[in-house]
PDB file of N, CA and C in Angstrom:
ATOM      1  N   MET A   1     -23.512 -24.381  -0.984  1.00  0.00           N
ATOM      2  CA  MET A   1     -22.248 -24.242  -1.790  1.00  0.00           C
ATOM      3  C   MET A   1     -21.025 -24.146  -0.986  1.00  0.00           C
ATOM      4  N   LYS A   2     -20.023 -24.737  -1.203  1.00  0.00           N
ATOM      5  CA  LYS A   2     -18.822 -24.457  -0.481  1.00  0.00           C
ATOM      6  C   LYS A   2     -18.249 -22.953  -1.131  1.00  0.00           C
ATOM      7  N   PRO A   3     -17.477 -22.201  -0.034  1.00  0.00           N
ATOM      8  CA  PRO A   3     -16.875 -21.025  -0.718  1.00  0.00           C
ATOM      9  C   PRO A   3     -15.431 -21.486  -1.316  1.00  0.00           C
ATOM     10  N   THR A   4     -15.172 -20.655  -2.199  1.00  0.00           N
ATOM     11  CA  THR A   4     -13.889 -20.857  -3.164  1.00  0.00           C
ATOM     12  C   THR A   4     -12.740 -20.547  -2.180  1.00  0.00           C
ATOM     13  N   GLY A   5     -11.290 -20.636  -2.509  1.00  0.00           N
ATOM     14  CA  GLY A   5     -10.569 -19.946  -2.039  1.00  0.00           C
ATOM     15  C   GLY A   5      -9.811 -18.479  -2.547  1.00  0.00           C
ATOM     16  N   ILE A   6     -10.797 -18.084  -3.368  1.00  0.00           N
ATOM     17  CA  ILE A   6     -10.529 -16.781  -3.787  1.00  0.00           C
ATOM     18  C   ILE A   6     -11.423 -15.628  -3.122  1.00  0.00           C
ATOM     19  N   THR A   7     -10.871 -14.693  -2.619  1.00  0.00           N
ATOM     20  CA  THR A   7     -11.583 -13.690  -2.067  1.00  0.00           C
ATOM     21  C   THR A   7     -11.576 -12.527  -2.988  1.00  0.00           C
ATOM     22  N   ASN A   8     -12.539 -11.541  -2.904  1.00  0.00           N
ATOM     23  CA  ASN A   8     -12.297 -10.494  -3.792  1.00  0.00           C
ATOM     24  C   ASN A   8     -12.840  -8.973  -2.913  1.00  0.00           C
ATOM     25  N   ARG A   9     -12.753  -7.771  -3.802  1.00  0.00           N
ATOM     26  CA  ARG A   9     -12.926  -6.797  -3.116  1.00  0.00           C
ATOM     27  C   ARG A   9     -14.189  -5.963  -4.050  1.00  0.00           C
ATOM     28  N   ILE A  10     -14.797  -6.688  -4.937  1.00  0.00           N
ATOM     29  CA  ILE A  10     -15.953  -6.197  -5.654  1.00  0.00           C
ATOM     30  C   ILE A  10     -16.694  -5.316  -5.008  1.00  0.00           C
ATOM     31  N   ARG A  11     -17.414  -5.718  -3.830  1.00  0.00           N
ATOM     32  CA  ARG A  11     -18.491  -4.733  -3.091  1.00  0.00           C
ATOM     33  C   ARG A  11     -17.808  -3.413  -2.874  1.00  0.00           C
ATOM     34  N   ILE A  12     -16.494  -3.480  -2.316  1.00  0.00           N
ATOM     35  CA  ILE A  12     -15.790  -1.970  -1.931  1.00  0.00           C
ATOM     36  C   ILE A  12     -15.659  -1.041  -3.018  1.00  0.00           C
ATOM     37  N   LEU A  13     -15.183  -2.191  -4.203  1.00  0.00           N
ATOM     38  CA  LEU A  13     -14.804  -1.011  -5.330  1.00  0.00           C
ATOM     39  C   LEU A  13     -16.258  -0.671  -6.022  1.00  0.00           C
ATOM     40  N   ARG A  14     -17.495  -1.552  -5.892  1.00  0.00           N
ATOM     41  CA  ARG A  14     -18.510  -0.973  -6.435  1.00  0.00           C
ATOM     42  C   ARG A  14     -18.677   0.557  -5.699  1.00  0.00           C
ATOM     43  N   PHE A  15     -18.634   0.563  -4.546  1.00  0.00           N
ATOM     44  CA  PHE A  15     -19.141   1.784  -3.769  1.00  0.00           C
ATOM     45  C   PHE A  15     -18.028   2.949  -3.963  1.00  0.00           C
ATOM     46  N   GLU A  16     -16.790   2.538  -3.856  1.00  0.00           N
ATOM     47  CA  GLU A  16     -15.737   3.364  -4.209  1.00  0.00           C
ATOM     48  C   GLU A  16     -16.000   4.271  -5.510  1.00  0.00           C
ATOM     49  N   GLY A  17     -16.585   3.255  -6.473  1.00  0.00           N
ATOM     50  CA  GLY A  17     -16.643   3.701  -8.050  1.00  0.00           C
ATOM     51  C   GLY A  17     -17.975   4.455  -8.031  1.00  0.00           C
ATOM     52  N   GLY A  18     -18.730   5.095  -6.966  1.00  0.00           N
ATOM     53  CA  GLY A  18     -19.941   5.697  -7.344  1.00  0.00           C
ATOM     54  C   GLY A  18     -20.991   5.096  -6.918  1.00  0.00           C
ATOM     55  N   GLU A  19     -20.921   3.836  -6.210  1.00  0.00           N
ATOM     56  CA  GLU A  19     -22.274   2.922  -5.877  1.00  0.00           C
ATOM     57  C   GLU A  19     -22.870   2.444  -6.915  1.00  0.00           C
ATOM     58  N   MET A  20     -21.914   1.765  -7.532  1.00  0.00           N
ATOM     59  CA  MET A  20     -22.560   0.884  -8.813  1.00  0.00           C
ATOM     60  C   MET A  20     -23.534  -0.107  -8.279  1.00  0.00           C
ATOM     61  N   THR A  21     -24.472  -0.539  -8.668  1.00  0.00           N
ATOM     62  CA  THR A  21     -25.130  -1.730  -8.309  1.00  0.00           C
ATOM     63  C   THR A  21     -24.615  -3.074  -9.021  1.00  0.00           C
ATOM     64  N   GLN A  22     -25.128  -4.040  -8.177  1.00  0.00           N
ATOM     65  CA  GLN A  22     -24.664  -5.307  -8.872  1.00  0.00           C
ATOM     66  C   GLN A  22     -25.289  -5.420 -10.297  1.00  0.00           C
ATOM     67  N   ALA A  23     -26.548  -5.011 -10.391  1.00  0.00           N
ATOM     68  CA  ALA A  23     -27.190  -5.211 -11.724  1.00  0.00           C
ATOM     69  C   ALA A  23     -26.280  -4.288 -12.839  1.00  0.00           C
ATOM     70  N   GLU A  24     -25.765  -3.157 -12.470  1.00  0.00           N
ATOM     71  CA  GLU A  24     -25.101  -2.529 -13.503  1.00  0.00           C
ATOM     72  C   GLU A  24     -23.756  -3.030 -13.769  1.00  0.00           C
ATOM     73  N   LEU A  25     -23.158  -3.516 -12.672  1.00  0.00           N
ATOM     74  CA  LEU A  25     -21.890  -4.223 -12.880  1.00  0.00           C
ATOM     75  C   LEU A  25     -22.172  -5.491 -13.780  1.00  0.00           C
ATOM     76  N   ALA A  26     -23.129  -6.314 -13.499  1.00  0.00           N
ATOM     77  CA  ALA A  26     -23.373  -7.489 -14.410  1.00  0.00           C
ATOM     78  C   ALA A  26     -23.653  -7.241 -15.841  1.00  0.00           C
ATOM     79  N   GLU A  27     -24.213  -6.022 -16.126  1.00  0.00           N
ATOM     80  CA  GLU A  27     -24.575  -5.579 -17.471  1.00  0.00           C
ATOM     81  C   GLU A  27     -23.266  -5.330 -18.122  1.00  0.00           C
ATOM     82  N   ARG A  28     -22.238  -4.496 -17.300  1.00  0.00           N
ATOM     83  CA  ARG A  28     -21.124  -3.925 -18.038  1.00  0.00           C
ATOM     84  C   ARG A  28     -20.206  -5.192 -18.288  1.00  0.00           C
ATOM     85  N   ILE A  29     -20.048  -6.360 -17.532  1.00  0.00           N
ATOM     86  CA  ILE A  29     -19.481  -7.417 -17.837  1.00  0.00           C
ATOM     87  C   ILE A  29     -20.190  -8.688 -18.581  1.00  0.00           C
ATOM     88  N   GLY A  30     -21.241  -8.486 -18.833  1.00  0.00           N
ATOM     89  CA  GLY A  30     -22.058  -9.487 -19.447  1.00  0.00           C
ATOM     90  C   GLY A  30     -22.470 -10.838 -19.054  1.00  0.00           C
ATOM     91  N   VAL A  31     -22.706 -10.537 -17.585  1.00  0.00           N
ATOM     92  CA  VAL A  31     -23.214 -11.732 -16.767  1.00  0.00           C
ATOM     93  C   VAL A  31     -24.689 -11.447 -16.117  1.00  0.00           C
ATOM     94  N   THR A  32     -25.306 -12.321 -15.337  1.00  0.00           N
ATOM     95  CA  THR A  32     -26.411 -12.110 -14.538  1.00  0.00           C
ATOM     96  C   THR A  32     -26.099 -11.308 -13.227  1.00  0.00           C
ATOM     97  N   ARG A  33     -27.079 -10.663 -12.803  1.00  0.00           N
ATOM     98  CA  ARG A  33     -26.840 -10.034 -11.286  1.00  0.00           C
ATOM     99  C   ARG A  33     -26.681 -11.179 -10.195  1.00  0.00           C
ATOM    100  N   GLN A  34     -27.229 -12.445 -10.596  1.00  0.00           N
ATOM    101  CA  GLN A  34     -27.046 -13.499  -9.720  1.00  0.00           C
ATOM    102  C   GLN A  34     -25.513 -13.942  -9.742  1.00  0.00           C
ATOM    103  N   THR A  35     -25.101 -13.833 -10.918  1.00  0.00           N
ATOM    104  CA  THR A  35     -23.565 -14.376 -10.924  1.00  0.00           C
ATOM    105  C   THR A  35     -22.796 -13.500 -10.267  1.00  0.00           C
ATOM    106  N   VAL A  36     -22.843 -12.091 -10.362  1.00  0.00           N
ATOM    107  CA  VAL A  36     -22.287 -11.032  -9.524  1.00  0.00           C
ATOM    108  C   VAL A  36     -22.124 -11.211  -8.148  1.00  0.00           C
ATOM    109  N   ILE A  37     -23.623 -11.590  -7.738  1.00  0.00           N
ATOM    110  CA  ILE A  37     -23.812 -11.893  -6.205  1.00  0.00           C
ATOM    111  C   ILE A  37     -23.151 -13.050  -5.770  1.00  0.00           C
ATOM    112  N   ALA A  38     -23.155 -14.124  -6.450  1.00  0.00           N
ATOM    113  CA  ALA A  38     -22.169 -15.331  -6.224  1.00  0.00           C
ATOM    114  C   ALA A  38     -20.769 -15.032  -6.174  1.00  0.00           C
ATOM    115  N   ILE A  39     -20.304 -14.337  -7.144  1.00  0.00           N
ATOM    116  CA  ILE A  39     -18.859 -14.096  -7.272  1.00  0.00           C
ATOM    117  C   ILE A  39     -18.395 -13.031  -5.719  1.00  0.00           C
ATOM    118  N   GLU A  40     -19.258 -12.065  -5.521  1.00  0.00           N
ATOM    119  CA  GLU A  40     -19.161 -11.174  -4.416  1.00  0.00           C
ATOM    120  C   GLU A  40     -18.978 -12.015  -3.192  1.00  0.00           C
ATOM    121  N   LYS A  41     -19.870 -12.817  -3.037  1.00  0.00           N
ATOM    122  CA  LYS A  41     -20.098 -13.784  -1.606  1.00  0.00           C
ATOM    123  C   LYS A  41     -18.933 -14.896  -1.681  1.00  0.00           C
ATOM    124  N   GLY A  42     -18.097 -14.918  -2.548  1.00  0.00           N
ATOM    125  CA  GLY A  42     -17.060 -16.079  -2.689  1.00  0.00           C
ATOM    126  C   GLY A  42     -17.943 -17.410  -3.044  1.00  0.00           C
ATOM    127  N   ARG A  43     -18.923 -17.710  -3.358  1.00  0.00           N
ATOM    128  CA  ARG A  43     -19.388 -18.947  -3.629  1.00  0.00           C
ATOM    129  C   ARG A  43     -19.099 -19.226  -5.185  1.00  0.00           C
ATOM    130  N   TYR A  44     -18.744 -18.407  -6.003  1.00  0.00           N
ATOM    131  CA  TYR A  44     -18.482 -18.791  -7.308  1.00  0.00           C
ATOM    132  C   TYR A  44     -17.120 -18.133  -7.828  1.00  0.00           C
ATOM    133  N   SER A  45     -16.212 -18.691  -8.512  1.00  0.00           N
ATOM    134  CA  SER A  45     -15.019 -18.137  -9.015  1.00  0.00           C
ATOM    135  C   SER A  45     -15.283 -18.034 -10.635  1.00  0.00           C
ATOM    136  N   PRO A  46     -15.056 -16.649 -10.702  1.00  0.00           N
ATOM    137  CA  PRO A  46     -15.455 -16.117 -12.262  1.00  0.00           C
ATOM    138  C   PRO A  46     -14.363 -17.030 -12.968  1.00  0.00           C
ATOM    139  N   SER A  47     -14.766 -16.999 -14.577  1.00  0.00           N
ATOM    140  CA  SER A  47     -13.835 -17.276 -15.401  1.00  0.00           C
ATOM    141  C   SER A  47     -12.635 -16.169 -15.514  1.00  0.00           C
ATOM    142  N   LEU A  48     -11.524 -16.516 -15.852  1.00  0.00           N
ATOM    143  CA  LEU A  48     -10.291 -15.535 -15.883  1.00  0.00           C
ATOM    144  C   LEU A  48     -10.921 -14.451 -16.955  1.00  0.00           C
ATOM    145  N   GLU A  49     -11.655 -14.630 -18.055  1.00  0.00           N
ATOM    146  CA  GLU A  49     -12.095 -13.588 -18.890  1.00  0.00           C
ATOM    147  C   GLU A  49     -13.017 -12.545 -18.077  1.00  0.00           C
ATOM    148  N   THR A  50     -13.961 -13.307 -17.231  1.00  0.00           N
ATOM    149  CA  THR A  50     -14.825 -12.421 -16.496  1.00  0.00           C
ATOM    150  C   THR A  50     -14.083 -11.686 -15.528  1.00  0.00           C
ATOM    151  N   ALA A  51     -13.186 -12.348 -14.850  1.00  0.00           N
ATOM    152  CA  ALA A  51     -12.326 -11.597 -13.933  1.00  0.00           C
ATOM    153  C   ALA A  51     -11.410 -10.375 -14.454  1.00  0.00           C
ATOM    154  N   PHE A  52     -11.050 -10.502 -15.501  1.00  0.00           N
ATOM    155  CA  PHE A  52     -10.410  -9.438 -16.403  1.00  0.00           C
ATOM    156  C   PHE A  52     -11.285  -8.426 -16.650  1.00  0.00           C
ATOM    157  N   ARG A  53     -12.516  -8.654 -17.008  1.00  0.00           N
ATOM    158  CA  ARG A  53     -13.741  -7.656 -17.367  1.00  0.00           C
ATOM    159  C   ARG A  53     -13.911  -6.732 -16.020  1.00  0.00           C
ATOM    160  N   ILE A  54     -14.081  -7.498 -14.751  1.00  0.00           N
ATOM    161  CA  ILE A  54     -14.392  -6.909 -13.645  1.00  0.00           C
ATOM    162  C   ILE A  54     -13.283  -5.831 -13.515  1.00  0.00           C
ATOM    163  N   ALA A  55     -11.953  -6.063 -13.568  1.00  0.00           N
ATOM    164  CA  ALA A  55     -11.036  -5.527 -13.198  1.00  0.00           C
ATOM    165  C   ALA A  55     -10.958  -4.163 -14.070  1.00  0.00           C
ATOM    166  N   ARG A  56     -11.407  -4.523 -15.320  1.00  0.00           N
ATOM    167  CA  ARG A  56     -11.236  -3.396 -16.483  1.00  0.00           C
ATOM    168  C   ARG A  56     -12.416  -2.256 -15.960  1.00  0.00           C
ATOM    169  N   VAL A  57     -13.531  -2.841 -15.655  1.00  0.00           N
ATOM    170  CA  VAL A  57     -14.646  -1.850 -15.263  1.00  0.00           C
ATOM    171  C   VAL A  57     -14.233  -0.984 -14.281  1.00  0.00           C
ATOM    172  N   PHE A  58     -13.303  -1.510 -13.037  1.00  0.00           N
ATOM    173  CA  PHE A  58     -12.858  -0.684 -12.064  1.00  0.00           C
ATOM    174  C   PHE A  58     -11.499  -0.046 -12.517  1.00  0.00           C
ATOM    175  N   ALA A  59     -11.009  -0.063 -13.567  1.00  0.00           N
ATOM    176  CA  ALA A  59      -9.688   0.314 -13.950  1.00  0.00           C
ATOM    177  C   ALA A  59      -8.638   0.101 -12.814  1.00  0.00           C
ATOM    178  N   VAL A  60      -8.599  -1.224 -12.432  1.00  0.00           N
ATOM    179  CA  VAL A  60      -7.356  -1.643 -11.511  1.00  0.00           C
ATOM    180  C   VAL A  60      -6.914  -2.938 -11.899  1.00  0.00           C
ATOM    181  N   PRO A  61      -5.558  -3.122 -11.461  1.00  0.00           N
ATOM    182  CA  PRO A  61      -5.101  -4.491 -11.825  1.00  0.00           C
ATOM    183  C   PRO A  61      -6.067  -5.606 -11.290  1.00  0.00           C
ATOM    184  N   LEU A  62      -6.018  -6.827 -11.855  1.00  0.00           N
ATOM    185  CA  LEU A  62      -6.622  -7.906 -11.315  1.00  0.00           C
ATOM    186  C   LEU A  62      -6.382  -8.160 -10.137  1.00  0.00           C
ATOM    187  N   GLU A  63      -5.169  -8.141  -9.423  1.00  0.00           N
ATOM    188  CA  GLU A  63      -4.661  -8.409  -8.132  1.00  0.00           C
ATOM    189  C   GLU A  63      -5.379  -7.312  -7.134  1.00  0.00           C
ATOM    190  N   GLN A  64      -5.785  -6.295  -7.421  1.00  0.00           N
ATOM    191  CA  GLN A  64      -6.713  -5.384  -6.504  1.00  0.00           C
ATOM    192  C   GLN A  64      -8.197  -5.809  -6.486  1.00  0.00           C
ATOM    193  N   VAL A  65      -8.646  -6.704  -7.338  1.00  0.00           N
ATOM    194  CA  VAL A  65      -9.845  -7.374  -7.134  1.00  0.00           C
ATOM    195  C   VAL A  65      -9.988  -8.461  -6.630  1.00  0.00           C
ATOM    196  N   PHE A  66      -9.050  -9.412  -6.822  1.00  0.00           N
ATOM    197  CA  PHE A  66      -9.143 -10.905  -6.641  1.00  0.00           C
ATOM    198  C   PHE A  66      -7.879 -11.284  -5.860  1.00  0.00           C
ATOM    199  N   GLN A  67      -8.231 -11.954  -4.547  1.00  0.00           N
ATOM    200  CA  GLN A  67      -6.657 -12.517  -3.899  1.00  0.00           C
ATOM    201  C   GLN A  67      -7.019 -13.807  -3.793  1.00  0.00           C
ATOM    202  N   TYR A  68      -5.986 -14.822  -3.943  1.00  0.00           N
ATOM    203  CA  TYR A  68      -6.012 -16.110  -3.592  1.00  0.00           C
ATOM    204  C   TYR A  68      -5.743 -16.453  -2.136  1.00  0.00           C
ATOM    205  N   ALA A  69      -6.720 -16.970  -1.527  1.00  0.00           N
ATOM    206  CA  ALA A  69      -6.426 -17.406  -0.104  1.00  0.00           C
ATOM    207  C   ALA A  69      -5.747 -18.890   0.277  1.00  0.00           C
ATOM    208  N   GLY A  70      -4.836 -18.955  -0.389  1.00  0.00           N
ATOM    209  CA  GLY A  70      -4.061 -20.377  -0.230  1.00  0.00           C
ATOM    210  C   GLY A  70      -3.342 -20.215   0.902  1.00  0.00           C
ATOM    211  N   SER A  71      -2.677 -21.455   1.128  1.00  0.00           N
ATOM    212  CA  SER A  71      -2.076 -21.721   2.568  1.00  0.00           C
ATOM    213  C   SER A  71      -0.667 -20.979   2.239  1.00  0.00           C
ATOM    214  N   ALA A  72       0.201 -20.800   3.066  1.00  0.00           N
ATOM    215  CA  ALA A  72       1.514 -20.240   3.264  1.00  0.00           C
ATOM    216  C   ALA A  72       2.186 -21.391   2.464  1.00  0.00           C
ATOM    217  N   ASP A  73       2.071 -22.443   2.508  1.00  0.00           N
ATOM    218  CA  ASP A  73       2.906 -23.728   1.813  1.00  0.00           C
ATOM    219  C   ASP A  73       2.605 -23.462   0.484  1.00  0.00           C
ATOM    220  N   ASP A  74       1.597 -22.854  -0.247  1.00  0.00           N
ATOM    221  CA  ASP A  74       1.614 -22.546  -1.632  1.00  0.00           C
ATOM    222  C   ASP A  74       2.607 -21.662  -2.064  1.00  0.00           C
ATOM    223  N   GLU A  75       2.942 -20.824  -1.239  1.00  0.00           N
ATOM    224  CA  GLU A  75       3.782 -19.581  -1.610  1.00  0.00           C
ATOM    225  C   GLU A  75       5.059 -20.183  -2.303  1.00  0.00           C
ATOM    226  N   GLY A  76       5.575 -19.784  -3.446  1.00  0.00           N
ATOM    227  CA  GLY A  76       6.800 -19.893  -3.905  1.00  0.00           C
ATOM    228  C   GLY A  76       7.062 -21.227  -4.492  1.00  0.00           C
ATOM    229  N   THR A  77       5.955 -22.190  -4.437  1.00  0.00           N
ATOM    230  CA  THR A  77       5.994 -23.507  -5.313  1.00  0.00           C
ATOM    231  C   THR A  77       5.648 -23.453  -6.535  1.00  0.00           C
ATOM    232  N   ALA A  78       6.602 -23.931  -7.459  1.00  0.00           N
ATOM    233  CA  ALA A  78       5.967 -23.892  -8.863  1.00  0.00           C
ATOM    234  C   ALA A  78       5.281 -25.381  -9.176  1.00  0.00           C
ATOM    235  N   PRO A  79       4.678 -25.182 -10.145  1.00  0.00           N
ATOM    236  CA  PRO A  79       3.680 -26.362 -10.510  1.00  0.00           C
ATOM    237  C   PRO A  79       4.570 -27.294 -11.308  1.00  0.00           C
TER     238      PRO A  79
END
Protein backbone atom coordinates (compact mmCIF):
# COMPACT_ATOMS: atom_id res chain seq x y z
CA MET A 1 0.00 0.00 0.00
CA LYS A 2 1.36 3.42 -0.97
CA PRO A 3 1.85 5.97 1.86
CA THR A 4 -0.41 9.02 1.79
CA GLY A 5 0.77 12.65 1.63
CA ILE A 6 -0.59 13.18 5.13
CA THR A 7 1.63 12.80 8.18
CA ASN A 8 0.43 12.69 11.76
CA ARG A 9 1.50 12.88 15.39
CA ILE A 10 -0.98 10.33 16.75
CA ARG A 11 1.64 8.05 18.30
CA ILE A 12 3.29 11.01 20.05
CA LEU A 13 -0.06 12.32 21.27
CA ARG A 14 -1.07 8.89 22.56
CA PHE A 15 2.03 8.74 24.74
CA GLU A 16 1.83 12.37 25.84
CA GLY A 17 -1.76 11.68 26.88
CA GLY A 18 -0.92 8.96 29.39
CA GLU A 19 0.22 6.14 27.11
CA MET A 20 -3.17 5.53 25.49
CA THR A 21 -3.20 2.28 23.53
CA GLN A 22 -4.23 2.00 19.91
CA ALA A 23 -7.19 -0.08 21.04
CA GLU A 24 -8.31 2.63 23.49
CA LEU A 25 -8.07 5.30 20.82
CA ALA A 26 -9.95 3.11 18.35
CA GLU A 27 -12.77 2.58 20.82
CA ARG A 28 -13.03 6.30 21.60
CA ILE A 29 -13.27 7.30 17.92
CA GLY A 30 -15.41 4.38 16.75
CA VAL A 31 -13.00 2.52 14.44
CA THR A 32 -11.01 -0.70 14.61
CA ARG A 33 -7.52 -0.96 16.07
CA GLN A 34 -6.28 -1.93 12.60
CA THR A 35 -7.62 1.37 11.27
CA VAL A 36 -5.73 3.32 13.94
CA ILE A 37 -2.55 1.39 13.06
CA ALA A 38 -2.95 2.19 9.35
CA ILE A 39 -3.61 5.89 10.05
CA GLU A 40 -0.62 6.13 12.42
CA LYS A 41 1.70 4.53 9.86
CA GLY A 42 0.46 6.86 7.11
CA ARG A 43 -0.97 4.05 5.01
CA TYR A 44 -4.54 5.31 5.30
CA SER A 45 -6.04 8.79 5.34
CA PRO A 46 -8.97 9.03 7.73
CA SER A 47 -12.26 10.62 6.83
CA LEU A 48 -12.61 14.22 7.88
CA GLU A 49 -15.05 13.19 10.60
CA THR A 50 -12.61 10.61 12.00
CA ALA A 51 -9.77 13.14 11.87
CA PHE A 52 -11.83 15.59 13.93
CA ARG A 53 -12.73 12.83 16.40
CA ILE A 54 -9.03 12.04 16.87
CA ALA A 55 -8.20 15.71 17.46
CA ARG A 56 -11.08 15.98 19.95
CA VAL A 57 -9.81 12.96 21.94
CA PHE A 58 -6.47 14.72 22.40
CA ALA A 59 -8.09 18.16 22.87
CA VAL A 60 -5.89 19.76 20.21
CA PRO A 61 -6.58 21.49 16.89
CA LEU A 62 -6.69 19.26 13.82
CA GLU A 63 -3.43 20.81 12.54
CA GLN A 64 -1.60 19.53 15.62
CA VAL A 65 -2.57 15.98 14.71
CA PHE A 66 -2.35 15.94 10.90
CA GLN A 67 -0.06 17.72 8.44
CA TYR A 68 -0.18 17.66 4.66
CA ALA A 69 3.24 16.95 3.16
CA GLY A 70 2.51 18.55 -0.21
CA SER A 71 5.14 20.19 -2.35
CA ALA A 72 6.14 23.80 -1.87
CA ASP A 73 4.38 24.51 -5.18
CA ASP A 74 1.07 23.70 -3.50
CA GLU A 75 1.42 26.57 -1.05
CA GLY A 76 -0.66 29.60 -1.82
CA THR A 77 -2.45 28.14 -4.81
CA ALA A 78 -6.21 28.30 -4.74
CA PRO A 79 -8.31 25.47 -6.17
